[in-house]
Amino acid sequence: MKLQEIREKTVDELKAAVVDYKKQLFDLRVQKSLHKLENTAQIGKLKHEIAQIKTVINEKSEKSE
């Protein structure tokens, strides 16, 4: 998801996306531990995506105060 797409979503949608991405991250970590994950860079990309979403959530919550 691009940063512009993230900024267009509501806080509730973003929080739901974080939960979904964390589930995906857990699955990737399990695959890695079982040596079934071929592209380990996916873990880093997913962490980066989660961080971007959390940053936008914080920006939006500060803006509404």
C-alpha atoms as a PDB file:
ATOM      1  CA  MET A   1       0.000   0.000   0.000  1.00  0.00           C
ATOM      2  CA  LYS A   2       1.376   3.389  -0.921  1.00  0.00           C
ATOM      3  CA  LEU A   3       1.646   6.210   1.581  1.00  0.00           C
ATOM      4  CA  GLN A   4      -0.989   8.267  -0.239  1.00  0.00           C
ATOM      5  CA  GLU A   5      -3.448   5.367  -0.010  1.00  0.00           C
ATOM      6  CA  ILE A   6      -2.691   5.027   3.702  1.00  0.00           C
ATOM      7  CA  ARG A   7      -3.358   8.709   4.334  1.00  0.00           C
ATOM      8  CA  GLU A   8      -6.774   8.501   2.609  1.00  0.00           C
ATOM      9  CA  LYS A   9      -8.073   5.809   4.972  1.00  0.00           C
ATOM     10  CA  THR A  10      -9.762   6.375   8.316  1.00  0.00           C
ATOM     11  CA  VAL A  11      -8.116   5.568  11.637  1.00  0.00           C
ATOM     12  CA  ASP A  12     -10.366   2.528  12.156  1.00  0.00           C
ATOM     13  CA  GLU A  13      -9.454   1.134   8.741  1.00  0.00           C
ATOM     14  CA  LEU A  14      -5.787   1.680   9.496  1.00  0.00           C
ATOM     15  CA  LYS A  15      -6.030  -0.081  12.850  1.00  0.00           C
ATOM     16  CA  ALA A  16      -7.680  -3.035  11.141  1.00  0.00           C
ATOM     17  CA  ALA A  17      -4.882  -3.072   8.562  1.00  0.00           C
ATOM     18  CA  VAL A  18      -2.263  -3.147  11.334  1.00  0.00           C
ATOM     19  CA  VAL A  19      -3.934  -6.171  12.906  1.00  0.00           C
ATOM     20  CA  ASP A  20      -4.053  -7.914   9.539  1.00  0.00           C
ATOM     21  CA  TYR A  21      -0.403  -7.133   8.798  1.00  0.00           C
ATOM     22  CA  LYS A  22       0.674  -8.373  12.226  1.00  0.00           C
ATOM     23  CA  LYS A  23      -1.050 -11.693  11.517  1.00  0.00           C
ATOM     24  CA  GLN A  24       0.784 -11.893   8.193  1.00  0.00           C
ATOM     25  CA  LEU A  25       4.057 -11.057   9.948  1.00  0.00           C
ATOM     26  CA  PHE A  26       3.491 -13.862  12.433  1.00  0.00           C
ATOM     27  CA  ASP A  27       2.837 -16.307   9.596  1.00  0.00           C
ATOM     28  CA  LEU A  28       6.034 -15.206   7.845  1.00  0.00           C
ATOM     29  CA  ARG A  29       8.043 -15.670  11.025  1.00  0.00           C
ATOM     30  CA  VAL A  30       6.651 -19.178  11.452  1.00  0.00           C
ATOM     31  CA  GLN A  31       7.520 -20.002   7.847  1.00  0.00           C
ATOM     32  CA  LYS A  32      11.025 -18.648   8.386  1.00  0.00           C
ATOM     33  CA  SER A  33      11.556 -20.771  11.478  1.00  0.00           C
ATOM     34  CA  LEU A  34      10.427 -23.847   9.544  1.00  0.00           C
ATOM     35  CA  HIS A  35      12.789 -22.914   6.681  1.00  0.00           C
ATOM     36  CA  LYS A  36       9.903 -22.649   4.232  1.00  0.00           C
ATOM     37  CA  LEU A  37      10.170 -18.907   3.567  1.00  0.00           C
ATOM     38  CA  GLU A  38      12.024 -18.241   0.333  1.00  0.00           C
ATOM     39  CA  ASN A  39      11.988 -14.438   0.338  1.00  0.00           C
ATOM     40  CA  THR A  40      12.994 -13.274   3.816  1.00  0.00           C
ATOM     41  CA  ALA A  41      12.880  -9.639   2.683  1.00  0.00           C
ATOM     42  CA  GLN A  42       9.093  -9.842   2.993  1.00  0.00           C
ATOM     43  CA  ILE A  43       9.454  -9.625   6.774  1.00  0.00           C
ATOM     44  CA  GLY A  44      11.293  -6.308   6.589  1.00  0.00           C
ATOM     45  CA  LYS A  45       8.865  -4.881   4.065  1.00  0.00           C
ATOM     46  CA  LEU A  46       5.908  -5.828   6.234  1.00  0.00           C
ATOM     47  CA  LYS A  47       7.502  -4.261   9.320  1.00  0.00           C
ATOM     48  CA  HIS A  48       8.103  -1.068   7.324  1.00  0.00           C
ATOM     49  CA  GLU A  49       4.472  -1.033   6.183  1.00  0.00           C
ATOM     50  CA  ILE A  50       3.229  -1.454   9.766  1.00  0.00           C
ATOM     51  CA  ALA A  51       5.475   1.395  10.932  1.00  0.00           C
ATOM     52  CA  GLN A  52       4.160   3.692   8.190  1.00  0.00           C
ATOM     53  CA  ILE A  53       0.562   2.931   9.118  1.00  0.00           C
ATOM     54  CA  LYS A  54       1.211   3.512  12.819  1.00  0.00           C
ATOM     55  CA  THR A  55       2.871   6.835  12.013  1.00  0.00           C
ATOM     56  CA  VAL A  56      -0.146   7.989  10.013  1.00  0.00           C
ATOM     57  CA  ILE A  57      -2.469   6.876  12.830  1.00  0.00           C
ATOM     58  CA  ASN A  58      -0.460   8.985  15.292  1.00  0.00           C
ATOM     59  CA  GLU A  59      -0.503  11.963  12.932  1.00  0.00           C
ATOM     60  CA  LYS A  60      -4.257  11.731  12.526  1.00  0.00           C
ATOM     61  CA  SER A  61      -4.880  11.373  16.272  1.00  0.00           C
ATOM     62  CA  GLU A  62      -2.698  14.417  17.038  1.00  0.00           C
ATOM     63  CA  LYS A  63      -4.478  16.397  14.342  1.00  0.00           C
ATOM     64  CA  SER A  64      -7.917  15.657  15.793  1.00  0.00           C
ATOM     65  CA  GLU A  65      -6.953  16.817  19.297  1.00  0.00           C
END
